[in-house]
PDB file of N, CA and C in Angstrom:
ATOM      1  N   UNK A   1      88.091  84.135 133.615  1.00  0.00           N
ATOM      2  CA  UNK A   1      87.308  83.324 132.717  1.00  0.00           C
ATOM      3  C   UNK A   1      87.595  83.740 131.281  1.00  0.00           C
ATOM      4  N   UNK A   2      87.863  82.816 130.416  1.00  0.00           N
ATOM      5  CA  UNK A   2      88.105  83.098 129.012  1.00  0.00           C
ATOM      6  C   UNK A   2      86.855  82.712 128.242  1.00  0.00           C
ATOM      7  N   UNK A   3      86.327  83.675 127.525  1.00  0.00           N
ATOM      8  CA  UNK A   3      85.129  83.456 126.726  1.00  0.00           C
ATOM      9  C   UNK A   3      85.572  83.110 125.315  1.00  0.00           C
ATOM     10  N   UNK A   4      85.156  81.970 124.817  1.00  0.00           N
ATOM     11  CA  UNK A   4      85.543  81.567 123.473  1.00  0.00           C
ATOM     12  C   UNK A   4      84.300  81.381 122.624  1.00  0.00           C
ATOM     13  N   UNK A   5      84.302  81.976 121.463  1.00  0.00           N
ATOM     14  CA  UNK A   5      83.244  81.809 120.479  1.00  0.00           C
ATOM     15  C   UNK A   5      83.886  81.333 119.192  1.00  0.00           C
ATOM     16  N   UNK A   6      83.315  80.366 118.556  1.00  0.00           N
ATOM     17  CA  UNK A   6      83.847  79.888 117.280  1.00  0.00           C
ATOM     18  C   UNK A   6      83.457  80.888 116.208  1.00  0.00           C
ATOM     19  N   UNK A   7      84.435  81.534 115.583  1.00  0.00           N
ATOM     20  CA  UNK A   7      84.180  82.504 114.538  1.00  0.00           C
ATOM     21  C   UNK A   7      84.281  81.873 113.161  1.00  0.00           C
ATOM     22  N   UNK A   8      85.242  81.038 113.014  1.00  0.00           N
ATOM     23  CA  UNK A   8      85.518  80.371 111.756  1.00  0.00           C
ATOM     24  C   UNK A   8      86.274  79.122 112.155  1.00  0.00           C
ATOM     25  N   UNK A   9      86.619  78.280 111.220  1.00  0.00           N
ATOM     26  CA  UNK A   9      87.264  77.041 111.639  1.00  0.00           C
ATOM     27  C   UNK A   9      88.602  77.264 112.325  1.00  0.00           C
ATOM     28  N   UNK A  10      89.289  78.400 112.039  1.00  0.00           N
ATOM     29  CA  UNK A  10      90.582  78.654 112.655  1.00  0.00           C
ATOM     30  C   UNK A  10      90.611  79.902 113.537  1.00  0.00           C
ATOM     31  N   UNK A  11      89.489  80.613 113.694  1.00  0.00           N
ATOM     32  CA  UNK A  11      89.475  81.862 114.440  1.00  0.00           C
ATOM     33  C   UNK A  11      88.984  81.618 115.858  1.00  0.00           C
ATOM     34  N   UNK A  12      89.591  82.304 116.826  1.00  0.00           N
ATOM     35  CA  UNK A  12      89.137  82.226 118.212  1.00  0.00           C
ATOM     36  C   UNK A  12      89.119  83.638 118.776  1.00  0.00           C
ATOM     37  N   UNK A  13      88.011  84.033 119.393  1.00  0.00           N
ATOM     38  CA  UNK A  13      87.917  85.340 120.031  1.00  0.00           C
ATOM     39  C   UNK A  13      87.866  85.127 121.533  1.00  0.00           C
ATOM     40  N   UNK A  14      88.662  85.911 122.270  1.00  0.00           N
ATOM     41  CA  UNK A  14      88.672  85.813 123.725  1.00  0.00           C
ATOM     42  C   UNK A  14      88.414  87.188 124.306  1.00  0.00           C
ATOM     43  N   UNK A  15      88.172  87.251 125.627  1.00  0.00           N
ATOM     44  CA  UNK A  15      87.948  88.549 126.248  1.00  0.00           C
ATOM     45  C   UNK A  15      89.235  89.351 126.388  1.00  0.00           C
ATOM     46  N   UNK A  16      90.391  88.757 126.152  1.00  0.00           N
ATOM     47  CA  UNK A  16      91.668  89.472 126.219  1.00  0.00           C
ATOM     48  C   UNK A  16      92.092  90.041 124.875  1.00  0.00           C
ATOM     49  N   UNK A  17      91.446  89.658 123.823  1.00  0.00           N
ATOM     50  CA  UNK A  17      91.830  90.116 122.501  1.00  0.00           C
ATOM     51  C   UNK A  17      91.293  89.164 121.468  1.00  0.00           C
ATOM     52  N   UNK A  18      91.804  89.272 120.281  1.00  0.00           N
ATOM     53  CA  UNK A  18      91.354  88.435 119.190  1.00  0.00           C
ATOM     54  C   UNK A  18      92.554  87.783 118.555  1.00  0.00           C
ATOM     55  N   UNK A  19      92.446  86.486 118.306  1.00  0.00           N
ATOM     56  CA  UNK A  19      93.501  85.764 117.602  1.00  0.00           C
ATOM     57  C   UNK A  19      92.914  85.244 116.302  1.00  0.00           C
ATOM     58  N   UNK A  20      93.653  85.375 115.244  1.00  0.00           N
ATOM     59  CA  UNK A  20      93.204  84.828 113.981  1.00  0.00           C
ATOM     60  C   UNK A  20      94.358  84.104 113.318  1.00  0.00           C
ATOM     61  N   UNK A  21      94.123  82.880 112.918  1.00  0.00           N
ATOM     62  CA  UNK A  21      95.125  82.131 112.165  1.00  0.00           C
ATOM     63  C   UNK A  21      95.137  82.691 110.758  1.00  0.00           C
ATOM     64  N   UNK A  22      96.348  82.930 110.239  1.00  0.00           N
ATOM     65  CA  UNK A  22      96.422  83.433 108.892  1.00  0.00           C
ATOM     66  C   UNK A  22      96.989  82.400 107.930  1.00  0.00           C
ATOM     67  N   UNK A  23      98.058  81.774 108.253  1.00  0.00           N
ATOM     68  CA  UNK A  23      98.584  80.689 107.432  1.00  0.00           C
ATOM     69  C   UNK A  23      99.395  79.779 108.322  1.00  0.00           C
ATOM     70  N   UNK A  24      99.141  78.514 108.256  1.00  0.00           N
ATOM     71  CA  UNK A  24      99.904  77.565 109.049  1.00  0.00           C
ATOM     72  C   UNK A  24      99.820  77.896 110.517  1.00  0.00           C
ATOM     73  N   UNK A  25     100.975  78.064 111.160  1.00  0.00           N
ATOM     74  CA  UNK A  25     101.016  78.373 112.582  1.00  0.00           C
ATOM     75  C   UNK A  25     101.116  79.870 112.865  1.00  0.00           C
ATOM     76  N   UNK A  26     101.040  80.693 111.824  1.00  0.00           N
ATOM     77  CA  UNK A  26     101.151  82.134 111.989  1.00  0.00           C
ATOM     78  C   UNK A  26      99.845  82.699 112.543  1.00  0.00           C
ATOM     79  N   UNK A  27      99.945  83.469 113.624  1.00  0.00           N
ATOM     80  CA  UNK A  27      98.763  84.002 114.296  1.00  0.00           C
ATOM     81  C   UNK A  27      98.945  85.493 114.523  1.00  0.00           C
ATOM     82  N   UNK A  28      97.869  86.251 114.340  1.00  0.00           N
ATOM     83  CA  UNK A  28      97.865  87.650 114.718  1.00  0.00           C
ATOM     84  C   UNK A  28      96.991  87.782 115.958  1.00  0.00           C
ATOM     85  N   UNK A  29      97.466  88.540 116.925  1.00  0.00           N
ATOM     86  CA  UNK A  29      96.721  88.745 118.159  1.00  0.00           C
ATOM     87  C   UNK A  29      96.666  90.240 118.452  1.00  0.00           C
ATOM     88  N   UNK A  30      95.481  90.728 118.821  1.00  0.00           N
ATOM     89  CA  UNK A  30      95.332  92.123 119.215  1.00  0.00           C
ATOM     90  C   UNK A  30      94.729  92.165 120.608  1.00  0.00           C
ATOM     91  N   UNK A  31      95.432  92.833 121.528  1.00  0.00           N
ATOM     92  CA  UNK A  31      94.914  93.070 122.878  1.00  0.00           C
ATOM     93  C   UNK A  31      94.634  94.563 123.003  1.00  0.00           C
ATOM     94  N   UNK A  32      93.428  94.902 123.447  1.00  0.00           N
ATOM     95  CA  UNK A  32      93.025  96.290 123.617  1.00  0.00           C
ATOM     96  C   UNK A  32      92.568  96.493 125.046  1.00  0.00           C
ATOM     97  N   UNK A  33      93.166  97.480 125.720  1.00  0.00           N
ATOM     98  CA  UNK A  33      92.770  97.812 127.084  1.00  0.00           C
ATOM     99  C   UNK A  33      92.560  99.316 127.188  1.00  0.00           C
ATOM    100  N   UNK A  34      91.756  99.718 128.163  1.00  0.00           N
ATOM    101  CA  UNK A  34      91.476 101.131 128.398  1.00  0.00           C
ATOM    102  C   UNK A  34      91.825 101.476 129.839  1.00  0.00           C
ATOM    103  N   UNK A  35      92.438 102.646 130.023  1.00  0.00           N
ATOM    104  CA  UNK A  35      92.735 103.172 131.345  1.00  0.00           C
ATOM    105  C   UNK A  35      92.527 104.677 131.284  1.00  0.00           C
ATOM    106  N   UNK A  36      91.441 105.139 131.844  1.00  0.00           N
ATOM    107  CA  UNK A  36      91.123 106.558 131.759  1.00  0.00           C
ATOM    108  C   UNK A  36      90.885 106.947 130.319  1.00  0.00           C
ATOM    109  N   UNK A  37      91.592 107.975 129.855  1.00  0.00           N
ATOM    110  CA  UNK A  37      91.420 108.417 128.468  1.00  0.00           C
ATOM    111  C   UNK A  37      92.470 107.821 127.533  1.00  0.00           C
ATOM    112  N   UNK A  38      93.145 106.754 127.983  1.00  0.00           N
ATOM    113  CA  UNK A  38      94.183 106.105 127.165  1.00  0.00           C
ATOM    114  C   UNK A  38      93.736 104.708 126.755  1.00  0.00           C
ATOM    115  N   UNK A  39      93.781 104.457 125.459  1.00  0.00           N
ATOM    116  CA  UNK A  39      93.550 103.119 124.919  1.00  0.00           C
ATOM    117  C   UNK A  39      94.914 102.555 124.551  1.00  0.00           C
ATOM    118  N   UNK A  40      95.181 101.330 124.975  1.00  0.00           N
ATOM    119  CA  UNK A  40      96.450 100.671 124.652  1.00  0.00           C
ATOM    120  C   UNK A  40      96.155  99.446 123.809  1.00  0.00           C
ATOM    121  N   UNK A  41      96.790  99.370 122.649  1.00  0.00           N
ATOM    122  CA  UNK A  41      96.583  98.259 121.727  1.00  0.00           C
ATOM    123  C   UNK A  41      97.925  97.600 121.436  1.00  0.00           C
ATOM    124  N   UNK A  42      97.984  96.297 121.675  1.00  0.00           N
ATOM    125  CA  UNK A  42      99.192  95.512 121.393  1.00  0.00           C
ATOM    126  C   UNK A  42      98.871  94.551 120.267  1.00  0.00           C
ATOM    127  N   UNK A  43      99.659  94.609 119.197  1.00  0.00           N
ATOM    128  CA  UNK A  43      99.460  93.746 118.035  1.00  0.00           C
ATOM    129  C   UNK A  43     100.663  92.820 117.916  1.00  0.00           C
ATOM    130  N   UNK A  44     100.396  91.517 117.920  1.00  0.00           N
ATOM    131  CA  UNK A  44     101.436  90.505 117.744  1.00  0.00           C
ATOM    132  C   UNK A  44     101.202  89.788 116.425  1.00  0.00           C
ATOM    133  N   UNK A  45     102.280  89.449 115.737  1.00  0.00           N
ATOM    134  CA  UNK A  45     102.164  88.659 114.516  1.00  0.00           C
ATOM    135  C   UNK A  45     102.229  89.511 113.265  1.00  0.00           C
ATOM    136  N   UNK A  46     101.545  89.060 112.239  1.00  0.00           N
ATOM    137  CA  UNK A  46     101.544  89.724 110.939  1.00  0.00           C
ATOM    138  C   UNK A  46     100.161  90.282 110.672  1.00  0.00           C
ATOM    139  N   UNK A  47     100.084  91.588 110.419  1.00  0.00           N
ATOM    140  CA  UNK A  47      98.821  92.249 110.100  1.00  0.00           C
ATOM    141  C   UNK A  47      98.737  92.367 108.584  1.00  0.00           C
ATOM    142  N   UNK A  48      97.749  91.680 107.994  1.00  0.00           N
ATOM    143  CA  UNK A  48      97.624  91.702 106.542  1.00  0.00           C
ATOM    144  C   UNK A  48      96.163  91.861 106.140  1.00  0.00           C
ATOM    145  N   UNK A  49      95.890  91.771 104.846  1.00  0.00           N
ATOM    146  CA  UNK A  49      94.527  91.994 104.339  1.00  0.00           C
ATOM    147  C   UNK A  49      93.551  90.921 104.820  1.00  0.00           C
ATOM    148  N   UNK A  50      94.057  89.753 105.169  1.00  0.00           N
ATOM    149  CA  UNK A  50      93.174  88.677 105.621  1.00  0.00           C
ATOM    150  C   UNK A  50      92.661  88.892 107.034  1.00  0.00           C
ATOM    151  N   UNK A  51      93.370  89.671 107.841  1.00  0.00           N
ATOM    152  CA  UNK A  51      92.934  89.872 109.217  1.00  0.00           C
ATOM    153  C   UNK A  51      92.773  91.342 109.603  1.00  0.00           C
ATOM    154  N   UNK A  52      92.887  92.244 108.646  1.00  0.00           N
ATOM    155  CA  UNK A  52      92.779  93.680 108.930  1.00  0.00           C
ATOM    156  C   UNK A  52      91.392  94.054 109.452  1.00  0.00           C
ATOM    157  N   UNK A  53      90.386  93.241 109.154  1.00  0.00           N
ATOM    158  CA  UNK A  53      89.035  93.529 109.662  1.00  0.00           C
ATOM    159  C   UNK A  53      89.002  93.467 111.189  1.00  0.00           C
ATOM    160  N   UNK A  54      89.865  92.655 111.785  1.00  0.00           N
ATOM    161  CA  UNK A  54      89.931  92.574 113.248  1.00  0.00           C
ATOM    162  C   UNK A  54      90.507  93.879 113.796  1.00  0.00           C
ATOM    163  N   UNK A  55      91.554  94.394 113.151  1.00  0.00           N
ATOM    164  CA  UNK A  55      92.104  95.688 113.545  1.00  0.00           C
ATOM    165  C   UNK A  55      91.019  96.755 113.452  1.00  0.00           C
ATOM    166  N   UNK A  56      90.239  96.735 112.377  1.00  0.00           N
ATOM    167  CA  UNK A  56      89.177  97.720 112.195  1.00  0.00           C
ATOM    168  C   UNK A  56      88.163  97.666 113.335  1.00  0.00           C
ATOM    169  N   UNK A  57      87.800  96.453 113.759  1.00  0.00           N
ATOM    170  CA  UNK A  57      86.858  96.298 114.872  1.00  0.00           C
ATOM    171  C   UNK A  57      87.420  96.921 116.148  1.00  0.00           C
ATOM    172  N   UNK A  58      88.702  96.689 116.411  1.00  0.00           N
ATOM    173  CA  UNK A  58      89.339  97.235 117.614  1.00  0.00           C
ATOM    174  C   UNK A  58      89.449  98.759 117.530  1.00  0.00           C
ATOM    175  N   UNK A  59      89.785  99.278 116.353  1.00  0.00           N
ATOM    176  CA  UNK A  59      89.865 100.729 116.170  1.00  0.00           C
ATOM    177  C   UNK A  59      88.491 101.368 116.353  1.00  0.00           C
ATOM    178  N   UNK A  60      87.436 100.678 115.903  1.00  0.00           N
ATOM    179  CA  UNK A  60      86.072 101.179 116.105  1.00  0.00           C
ATOM    180  C   UNK A  60      85.747 101.274 117.593  1.00  0.00           C
ATOM    181  N   UNK A  61      86.208 100.295 118.378  1.00  0.00           N
ATOM    182  CA  UNK A  61      86.002 100.332 119.834  1.00  0.00           C
ATOM    183  C   UNK A  61      86.676 101.562 120.433  1.00  0.00           C
ATOM    184  N   UNK A  62      87.887 101.855 119.972  1.00  0.00           N
ATOM    185  CA  UNK A  62      88.612 103.028 120.469  1.00  0.00           C
ATOM    186  C   UNK A  62      87.860 104.300 120.090  1.00  0.00           C
ATOM    187  N   UNK A  63      87.388 104.371 118.862  1.00  0.00           N
ATOM    188  CA  UNK A  63      86.689 105.563 118.377  1.00  0.00           C
ATOM    189  C   UNK A  63      85.416 105.817 119.192  1.00  0.00           C
ATOM    190  N   UNK A  64      84.717 104.758 119.573  1.00  0.00           N
ATOM    191  CA  UNK A  64      83.470 104.894 120.324  1.00  0.00           C
ATOM    192  C   UNK A  64      83.705 105.182 121.806  1.00  0.00           C
ATOM    193  N   UNK A  65      84.936 105.007 122.268  1.00  0.00           N
ATOM    194  CA  UNK A  65      85.264 105.190 123.686  1.00  0.00           C
ATOM    195  C   UNK A  65      85.544 106.667 123.977  1.00  0.00           C
ATOM    196  N   UNK A  66      85.880 106.934 125.232  1.00  0.00           N
ATOM    197  CA  UNK A  66      86.263 108.284 125.665  1.00  0.00           C
ATOM    198  C   UNK A  66      87.761 108.534 125.512  1.00  0.00           C
ATOM    199  N   UNK A  67      88.478 107.576 124.920  1.00  0.00           N
ATOM    200  CA  UNK A  67      89.938 107.685 124.792  1.00  0.00           C
ATOM    201  C   UNK A  67      90.326 108.874 123.918  1.00  0.00           C
ATOM    202  N   UNK A  68      91.390 109.565 124.333  1.00  0.00           N
ATOM    203  CA  UNK A  68      91.949 110.656 123.532  1.00  0.00           C
ATOM    204  C   UNK A  68      93.374 110.335 123.078  1.00  0.00           C
ATOM    205  N   UNK A  69      93.899 109.204 123.547  1.00  0.00           N
ATOM    206  CA  UNK A  69      95.234 108.761 123.130  1.00  0.00           C
ATOM    207  C   UNK A  69      95.196 107.261 122.876  1.00  0.00           C
ATOM    208  N   UNK A  70      95.681 106.866 121.714  1.00  0.00           N
ATOM    209  CA  UNK A  70      95.849 105.444 121.403  1.00  0.00           C
ATOM    210  C   UNK A  70      97.339 105.148 121.426  1.00  0.00           C
ATOM    211  N   UNK A  71      97.740 104.282 122.350  1.00  0.00           N
ATOM    212  CA  UNK A  71      99.120 103.818 122.420  1.00  0.00           C
ATOM    213  C   UNK A  71      99.188 102.476 121.706  1.00  0.00           C
ATOM    214  N   UNK A  72      99.983 102.433 120.637  1.00  0.00           N
ATOM    215  CA  UNK A  72     100.161 101.202 119.866  1.00  0.00           C
ATOM    216  C   UNK A  72     101.484 100.546 120.248  1.00  0.00           C
ATOM    217  N   UNK A  73     101.417  99.277 120.630  1.00  0.00           N
ATOM    218  CA  UNK A  73     102.616  98.494 120.892  1.00  0.00           C
ATOM    219  C   UNK A  73     102.762  97.516 119.730  1.00  0.00           C
ATOM    220  N   UNK A  74     103.733  97.788 118.877  1.00  0.00           N
ATOM    221  CA  UNK A  74     103.952  96.983 117.675  1.00  0.00           C
ATOM    222  C   UNK A  74     105.278  96.231 117.743  1.00  0.00           C
ATOM    223  N   UNK A  75     105.800  96.053 118.961  1.00  0.00           N
ATOM    224  CA  UNK A  75     107.097  95.399 119.120  1.00  0.00           C
ATOM    225  C   UNK A  75     107.090  93.969 118.596  1.00  0.00           C
ATOM    226  N   UNK A  76     105.997  93.249 118.805  1.00  0.00           N
ATOM    227  CA  UNK A  76     105.903  91.858 118.354  1.00  0.00           C
ATOM    228  C   UNK A  76     105.142  91.722 117.034  1.00  0.00           C
ATOM    229  N   UNK A  77     104.907  92.844 116.381  1.00  0.00           N
ATOM    230  CA  UNK A  77     104.273  92.832 115.056  1.00  0.00           C
ATOM    231  C   UNK A  77     105.384  92.717 114.019  1.00  0.00           C
ATOM    232  N   UNK A  78     105.394  91.626 113.294  1.00  0.00           N
ATOM    233  CA  UNK A  78     106.501  91.367 112.363  1.00  0.00           C
ATOM    234  C   UNK A  78     106.357  92.128 111.049  1.00  0.00           C
ATOM    235  N   UNK A  79     105.111  92.374 110.630  1.00  0.00           N
ATOM    236  CA  UNK A  79     104.903  93.084 109.365  1.00  0.00           C
ATOM    237  C   UNK A  79     103.488  93.631 109.323  1.00  0.00           C
ATOM    238  N   UNK A  80     103.308  94.726 108.604  1.00  0.00           N
ATOM    239  CA  UNK A  80     101.987  95.320 108.388  1.00  0.00           C
ATOM    240  C   UNK A  80     101.833  95.545 106.892  1.00  0.00           C
ATOM    241  N   UNK A  81     100.760  95.018 106.313  1.00  0.00           N
ATOM    242  CA  UNK A  81     100.514  95.192 104.882  1.00  0.00           C
ATOM    243  C   UNK A  81      99.942  96.583 104.617  1.00  0.00           C
ATOM    244  N   UNK A  82      99.813  96.914 103.341  1.00  0.00           N
ATOM    245  CA  UNK A  82      99.245  98.207 102.959  1.00  0.00           C
ATOM    246  C   UNK A  82      97.814  98.354 103.465  1.00  0.00           C
ATOM    247  N   UNK A  83      97.085  97.252 103.564  1.00  0.00           N
ATOM    248  CA  UNK A  83      95.725  97.301 104.096  1.00  0.00           C
ATOM    249  C   UNK A  83      95.742  97.733 105.558  1.00  0.00           C
ATOM    250  N   UNK A  84      96.650  97.173 106.337  1.00  0.00           N
ATOM    251  CA  UNK A  84      96.783  97.553 107.741  1.00  0.00           C
ATOM    252  C   UNK A  84      97.187  99.008 107.899  1.00  0.00           C
ATOM    253  N   UNK A  85      98.137  99.465 107.068  1.00  0.00           N
ATOM    254  CA  UNK A  85      98.563 100.864 107.097  1.00  0.00           C
ATOM    255  C   UNK A  85      97.367 101.766 106.773  1.00  0.00           C
ATOM    256  N   UNK A  86      96.585 101.373 105.786  1.00  0.00           N
ATOM    257  CA  UNK A  86      95.398 102.149 105.404  1.00  0.00           C
ATOM    258  C   UNK A  86      94.408 102.270 106.544  1.00  0.00           C
ATOM    259  N   UNK A  87      94.174 101.180 107.261  1.00  0.00           N
ATOM    260  CA  UNK A  87      93.243 101.196 108.403  1.00  0.00           C
ATOM    261  C   UNK A  87      93.748 102.165 109.478  1.00  0.00           C
ATOM    262  N   UNK A  88      95.051 102.118 109.750  1.00  0.00           N
ATOM    263  CA  UNK A  88      95.632 103.006 110.760  1.00  0.00           C
ATOM    264  C   UNK A  88      95.513 104.462 110.324  1.00  0.00           C
ATOM    265  N   UNK A  89      95.798 104.764 109.054  1.00  0.00           N
ATOM    266  CA  UNK A  89      95.736 106.140 108.568  1.00  0.00           C
ATOM    267  C   UNK A  89      94.307 106.694 108.574  1.00  0.00           C
ATOM    268  N   UNK A  90      93.345 105.895 108.155  1.00  0.00           N
ATOM    269  CA  UNK A  90      91.950 106.355 108.182  1.00  0.00           C
ATOM    270  C   UNK A  90      91.489 106.590 109.611  1.00  0.00           C
ATOM    271  N   UNK A  91      91.890 105.699 110.514  1.00  0.00           N
ATOM    272  CA  UNK A  91      91.560 105.889 111.928  1.00  0.00           C
ATOM    273  C   UNK A  91      92.200 107.180 112.441  1.00  0.00           C
ATOM    274  N   UNK A  92      93.468 107.388 112.123  1.00  0.00           N
ATOM    275  CA  UNK A  92      94.190 108.577 112.578  1.00  0.00           C
ATOM    276  C   UNK A  92      93.454 109.845 112.154  1.00  0.00           C
ATOM    277  N   UNK A  93      93.045 109.895 110.897  1.00  0.00           N
ATOM    278  CA  UNK A  93      92.334 111.065 110.369  1.00  0.00           C
ATOM    279  C   UNK A  93      91.064 111.338 111.179  1.00  0.00           C
ATOM    280  N   UNK A  94      90.275 110.310 111.424  1.00  0.00           N
ATOM    281  CA  UNK A  94      89.032 110.469 112.187  1.00  0.00           C
ATOM    282  C   UNK A  94      89.304 110.763 113.658  1.00  0.00           C
ATOM    283  N   UNK A  95      90.322 110.111 114.219  1.00  0.00           N
ATOM    284  CA  UNK A  95      90.623 110.241 115.640  1.00  0.00           C
ATOM    285  C   UNK A  95      91.123 111.641 115.985  1.00  0.00           C
ATOM    286  N   UNK A  96      91.998 112.207 115.137  1.00  0.00           N
ATOM    287  CA  UNK A  96      92.493 113.560 115.432  1.00  0.00           C
ATOM    288  C   UNK A  96      91.376 114.592 115.266  1.00  0.00           C
ATOM    289  N   UNK A  97      90.393 114.299 114.396  1.00  0.00           N
ATOM    290  CA  UNK A  97      89.289 115.251 114.224  1.00  0.00           C
ATOM    291  C   UNK A  97      88.416 115.334 115.474  1.00  0.00           C
ATOM    292  N   UNK A  98      88.477 114.303 116.328  1.00  0.00           N
ATOM    293  CA  UNK A  98      87.741 114.373 117.603  1.00  0.00           C
ATOM    294  C   UNK A  98      88.676 114.681 118.779  1.00  0.00           C
ATOM    295  N   UNK A  99      89.883 115.166 118.446  1.00  0.00           N
ATOM    296  CA  UNK A  99      90.826 115.594 119.478  1.00  0.00           C
ATOM    297  C   UNK A  99      91.755 114.518 119.985  1.00  0.00           C
ATOM    298  N   UNK A 100      91.812 113.390 119.310  1.00  0.00           N
ATOM    299  CA  UNK A 100      92.662 112.287 119.738  1.00  0.00           C
ATOM    300  C   UNK A 100      94.051 112.321 119.127  1.00  0.00           C
ATOM    301  N   UNK A 101      94.911 111.437 119.599  1.00  0.00           N
ATOM    302  CA  UNK A 101      96.269 111.320 119.076  1.00  0.00           C
ATOM    303  C   UNK A 101      96.715 109.865 119.181  1.00  0.00           C
ATOM    304  N   UNK A 102      97.697 109.515 118.372  1.00  0.00           N
ATOM    305  CA  UNK A 102      98.263 108.163 118.346  1.00  0.00           C
ATOM    306  C   UNK A 102      99.745 108.261 118.680  1.00  0.00           C
ATOM    307  N   UNK A 103     100.234 107.274 119.428  1.00  0.00           N
ATOM    308  CA  UNK A 103     101.671 107.129 119.645  1.00  0.00           C
ATOM    309  C   UNK A 103     102.022 105.659 119.548  1.00  0.00           C
ATOM    310  N   UNK A 104     103.027 105.352 118.743  1.00  0.00           N
ATOM    311  CA  UNK A 104     103.568 103.996 118.710  1.00  0.00           C
ATOM    312  C   UNK A 104     104.604 103.949 119.825  1.00  0.00           C
ATOM    313  N   UNK A 105     104.254 103.277 120.918  1.00  0.00           N
ATOM    314  CA  UNK A 105     105.130 103.273 122.098  1.00  0.00           C
ATOM    315  C   UNK A 105     106.308 102.319 121.938  1.00  0.00           C
ATOM    316  N   UNK A 106     106.115 101.248 121.163  1.00  0.00           N
ATOM    317  CA  UNK A 106     107.202 100.308 120.842  1.00  0.00           C
ATOM    318  C   UNK A 106     106.929  99.755 119.455  1.00  0.00           C
ATOM    319  N   UNK A 107     107.995  99.544 118.690  1.00  0.00           N
ATOM    320  CA  UNK A 107     107.832  98.904 117.383  1.00  0.00           C
ATOM    321  C   UNK A 107     109.025  98.011 117.093  1.00  0.00           C
ATOM    322  N   UNK A 108     108.764  96.993 116.287  1.00  0.00           N
ATOM    323  CA  UNK A 108     109.848  96.120 115.818  1.00  0.00           C
ATOM    324  C   UNK A 108     110.687  96.903 114.811  1.00  0.00           C
ATOM    325  N   UNK A 109     111.861  96.413 114.514  1.00  0.00           N
ATOM    326  CA  UNK A 109     112.721  97.073 113.522  1.00  0.00           C
ATOM    327  C   UNK A 109     112.024  97.197 112.178  1.00  0.00           C
ATOM    328  N   UNK A 110     111.375  96.114 111.731  1.00  0.00           N
ATOM    329  CA  UNK A 110     110.749  96.142 110.398  1.00  0.00           C
ATOM    330  C   UNK A 110     109.595  97.130 110.338  1.00  0.00           C
ATOM    331  N   UNK A 111     108.799  97.201 111.392  1.00  0.00           N
ATOM    332  CA  UNK A 111     107.673  98.146 111.412  1.00  0.00           C
ATOM    333  C   UNK A 111     108.188  99.580 111.535  1.00  0.00           C
ATOM    334  N   UNK A 112     109.214  99.794 112.343  1.00  0.00           N
ATOM    335  CA  UNK A 112     109.807 101.123 112.485  1.00  0.00           C
ATOM    336  C   UNK A 112     110.337 101.617 111.128  1.00  0.00           C
ATOM    337  N   UNK A 113     111.044 100.747 110.417  1.00  0.00           N
ATOM    338  CA  UNK A 113     111.575 101.115 109.107  1.00  0.00           C
ATOM    339  C   UNK A 113     110.453 101.417 108.123  1.00  0.00           C
ATOM    340  N   UNK A 114     109.385 100.610 108.156  1.00  0.00           N
ATOM    341  CA  UNK A 114     108.238 100.828 107.272  1.00  0.00           C
ATOM    342  C   UNK A 114     107.580 102.174 107.566  1.00  0.00           C
ATOM    343  N   UNK A 115     107.313 102.460 108.841  1.00  0.00           N
ATOM    344  CA  UNK A 115     106.675 103.715 109.219  1.00  0.00           C
ATOM    345  C   UNK A 115     107.559 104.909 108.864  1.00  0.00           C
ATOM    346  N   UNK A 116     108.875 104.765 109.035  1.00  0.00           N
ATOM    347  CA  UNK A 116     109.801 105.841 108.690  1.00  0.00           C
ATOM    348  C   UNK A 116     109.838 106.062 107.184  1.00  0.00           C
ATOM    349  N   UNK A 117     109.875 104.977 106.419  1.00  0.00           N
ATOM    350  CA  UNK A 117     109.905 105.081 104.959  1.00  0.00           C
ATOM    351  C   UNK A 117     108.641 105.774 104.435  1.00  0.00           C
ATOM    352  N   UNK A 118     107.497 105.459 105.067  1.00  0.00           N
ATOM    353  CA  UNK A 118     106.226 106.064 104.656  1.00  0.00           C
ATOM    354  C   UNK A 118     106.006 107.434 105.289  1.00  0.00           C
ATOM    355  N   UNK A 119     106.976 107.869 106.108  1.00  0.00           N
ATOM    356  CA  UNK A 119     106.943 109.158 106.801  1.00  0.00           C
ATOM    357  C   UNK A 119     105.758 109.285 107.760  1.00  0.00           C
ATOM    358  N   UNK A 120     105.297 108.146 108.287  1.00  0.00           N
ATOM    359  CA  UNK A 120     104.232 108.190 109.284  1.00  0.00           C
ATOM    360  C   UNK A 120     104.723 108.791 110.595  1.00  0.00           C
ATOM    361  N   UNK A 121     106.040 108.745 110.805  1.00  0.00           N
ATOM    362  CA  UNK A 121     106.626 109.349 111.995  1.00  0.00           C
ATOM    363  C   UNK A 121     106.508 110.871 111.970  1.00  0.00           C
ATOM    364  N   UNK A 122     106.077 111.434 110.848  1.00  0.00           N
ATOM    365  CA  UNK A 122     105.814 112.872 110.788  1.00  0.00           C
ATOM    366  C   UNK A 122     104.371 113.185 111.203  1.00  0.00           C
ATOM    367  N   UNK A 123     103.519 112.160 111.236  1.00  0.00           N
ATOM    368  CA  UNK A 123     102.134 112.329 111.680  1.00  0.00           C
ATOM    369  C   UNK A 123     101.985 112.100 113.176  1.00  0.00           C
ATOM    370  N   UNK A 124     102.680 111.074 113.672  1.00  0.00           N
ATOM    371  CA  UNK A 124     102.604 110.723 115.091  1.00  0.00           C
ATOM    372  C   UNK A 124     103.930 110.118 115.519  1.00  0.00           C
ATOM    373  N   UNK A 125     104.143 110.088 116.832  1.00  0.00           N
ATOM    374  CA  UNK A 125     105.391 109.578 117.395  1.00  0.00           C
ATOM    375  C   UNK A 125     105.503 108.084 117.163  1.00  0.00           C
ATOM    376  N   UNK A 126     106.663 107.651 116.661  1.00  0.00           N
ATOM    377  CA  UNK A 126     106.950 106.226 116.452  1.00  0.00           C
ATOM    378  C   UNK A 126     108.260 105.920 117.170  1.00  0.00           C
ATOM    379  N   UNK A 127     108.177 105.084 118.206  1.00  0.00           N
ATOM    380  CA  UNK A 127     109.354 104.708 118.989  1.00  0.00           C
ATOM    381  C   UNK A 127     109.815 103.299 118.611  1.00  0.00           C
ATOM    382  N   UNK A 128     111.116 103.125 118.533  1.00  0.00           N
ATOM    383  CA  UNK A 128     111.714 101.826 118.238  1.00  0.00           C
ATOM    384  C   UNK A 128     111.933 101.071 119.544  1.00  0.00           C
ATOM    385  N   UNK A 129     111.614  99.761 119.513  1.00  0.00           N
ATOM    386  CA  UNK A 129     111.891  98.900 120.654  1.00  0.00           C
ATOM    387  C   UNK A 129     111.114  99.286 121.812  1.00  0.00           C
TER     388      UNK A 129
END
């Protein structure tokens, strides 16, 4: 069963994740699942300042859970704005203080290059593809 609630004229929330229209046909989708102490988050599309609040909501769910590892799948994420990077870094700081860790299990070329340029790969593991 798919639960749909009207959030805004272009936003749709489902039990599998959240989709938000950002411009035209461009959509960002976040799927979050839990298995034991592992949270897995898959982000598709473009993460920017207009939809970073959705990422924040999902990160809050992880923080409130018993998860000690967040696996990020960014293979289908085409770009992340500075706002998205900021949300991830603030989460990382809080998450490691409670004994957690982050691993990017897959990333697109553009996201891998961005994370490498910002030296985020020195904070946590970032895998390409």
